[in-house]
Protein backbone atom coordinates (compact mmCIF):
# COMPACT_ATOMS: atom_id res chain seq x y z
CA MET A 1 2.48 -2.40 1.17
CA CYS A 2 5.29 -5.39 1.15
CA THR A 3 2.73 -8.01 1.10
CA HIS A 4 1.46 -6.71 -2.00
CA LEU A 5 4.96 -6.67 -3.53
CA ARG A 6 5.41 -10.68 -2.64
CA ARG A 7 2.63 -11.97 -4.40
CA PRO A 8 3.26 -11.46 -7.81
CA GLY A 9 0.93 -9.49 -10.41
CA ARG A 10 -0.85 -8.49 -7.58
CA LEU A 11 0.19 -4.52 -8.78
CA ALA A 12 -0.26 -5.07 -12.05
CA ARG A 13 -3.92 -6.52 -11.44
CA LEU A 14 -4.82 -3.33 -9.53
CA ALA A 15 -3.71 -1.36 -12.60
CA LYS A 16 -6.22 -3.34 -14.86
CA SER A 17 -9.09 -2.74 -12.03
CA PRO A 18 -8.50 0.11 -10.13
CA SER A 19 -11.39 -0.51 -8.11
CA GLY A 20 -9.29 -3.10 -6.18
CA VAL A 21 -7.03 -0.01 -4.67
CA PRO A 22 -9.01 0.73 -1.80
CA SER A 23 -9.41 -3.03 -0.26
CA ALA A 24 -5.71 -2.99 -0.78
CA VAL A 25 -4.89 -0.19 1.16
CA GLU A 26 -7.29 -1.44 4.13
CA GLU A 27 -5.23 -4.70 3.72
CA VAL A 28 -1.62 -3.01 4.15
CA LEU A 29 -3.22 -0.53 7.12
CA ARG A 30 -4.33 -3.77 8.71
CA SER A 31 -1.21 -5.86 8.05
CA ASP A 32 0.45 -7.27 11.55
CA VAL A 33 -2.42 -6.06 13.31
CA HIS A 34 -5.16 -8.38 11.49
CA ARG A 35 -8.39 -6.90 12.56
CA PRO A 36 -11.59 -5.63 10.78
CA PRO A 37 -12.81 -2.28 10.41
CA ASP A 38 -14.66 -0.68 13.35
CA PRO A 39 -18.03 0.36 11.58
CA ARG A 40 -18.86 3.34 14.37
CA PRO A 41 -17.70 6.36 13.11
CA ALA A 42 -14.93 8.14 13.68
CA SER A 43 -15.02 11.93 15.30
CA GLY A 44 -12.59 14.72 15.22
CA HIS A 45 -9.61 15.37 13.90
CA HIS A 46 -7.99 11.95 13.92
CA ALA A 47 -11.22 10.96 11.75
CA LEU A 48 -10.45 13.19 9.33
CA SER A 49 -6.64 12.92 8.99
CA ALA A 50 -7.30 9.11 9.03
CA GLY A 51 -8.95 9.68 6.11
CA LEU A 52 -7.19 12.11 4.42
CA ALA A 53 -4.23 9.40 4.61
CA ARG A 54 -6.19 6.60 2.83
CA MET A 55 -6.84 8.55 0.17
CA GLN A 56 -3.32 9.63 -0.63
CA LEU A 57 -2.23 5.47 0.08
CA GLN A 58 -5.10 5.15 -2.91
CA VAL A 59 -4.00 7.79 -5.03
CA MET A 60 0.11 6.22 -4.82
CA VAL A 61 -0.72 2.38 -4.78
CA ARG A 62 -2.60 3.49 -8.22
CA GLN A 63 -0.19 5.18 -9.64
CA LEU A 64 2.79 2.48 -8.45
CA ALA A 65 -0.22 -0.29 -10.31
CA GLU A 66 -0.08 1.71 -13.70
CA ARG A 67 3.71 3.35 -14.15
CA VAL A 68 5.64 -0.04 -12.30
CA PRO A 69 3.16 -3.38 -12.39
CA THR A 70 6.53 -5.28 -12.36
CA LEU A 71 8.02 -3.51 -9.11
CA ARG A 72 9.34 -6.61 -6.49
CA PRO A 73 10.97 -6.88 -3.47
CA ALA A 74 15.01 -6.80 -3.41
CA GLY A 75 16.15 -7.63 -0.15
CA LYS A 76 14.67 -7.24 3.69
CA PRO A 77 12.44 -4.24 4.72
CA LEU A 78 13.35 -2.75 7.89
CA HIS A 79 11.71 -0.97 10.72
CA THR A 80 11.91 0.49 13.61
CA ASP A 81 9.81 0.05 16.55
CA ARG A 82 9.29 3.00 19.09
CA GLY A 83 6.80 1.71 21.67
CA ALA A 84 2.86 0.83 20.04
CA THR A 85 4.31 1.74 17.06
CA ARG A 86 5.99 0.59 13.71
CA ARG A 87 7.61 2.62 11.19
CA LEU A 88 9.41 1.29 7.59
CA THR A 89 12.16 3.23 7.27
CA SER A 90 14.02 1.14 4.31
CA LEU A 91 12.25 -0.94 1.52
CA PRO A 92 14.43 -1.96 -1.24
CA VAL A 93 12.59 -2.80 -4.46
CA THR A 94 13.47 -3.48 -8.05
CA PHE A 95 11.15 -3.59 -11.50
CA HIS A 96 11.53 -4.18 -15.07
CA ALA A 97 11.72 -0.59 -17.07
CA LEU A 98 8.40 -0.51 -19.04
CA ARG A 99 8.17 0.92 -22.80
CA ARG A 100 6.59 3.99 -23.73
CA THR A 101 3.67 2.85 -27.00
CA GLY A 102 2.71 5.32 -29.06
C-alpha cells in the first residue's frame, strides 16, 4: 500500500477507474518479492483464505480510493520482521478533508 500512497494521484485514479483495484492489490501483495502470480490453481484451506484476503483488500483499497483520494504518507512505515514474515506495525498518513456535495 505504501507504494500506492507515494505516487501522487494513484488513489484518485483508482477511484475513477475501480477496475484497476484488483491489479493494485496484486501489486501490494507482491511488493519486495516481484514475482508473477502462480498460474496453477491452489487447493485447500490456504486457497480459500488467500482468496478471501484478496477480496477484503480489494474492498479496502476501493473504499480508500473513493473516500480519501488525497491520502499520503506522513512518515516512515514501521515493520516487524519475524523470520520469513514481515508485518507492518505503523503507517502514518495525512489527507485533505473533502467537502461533501449535494
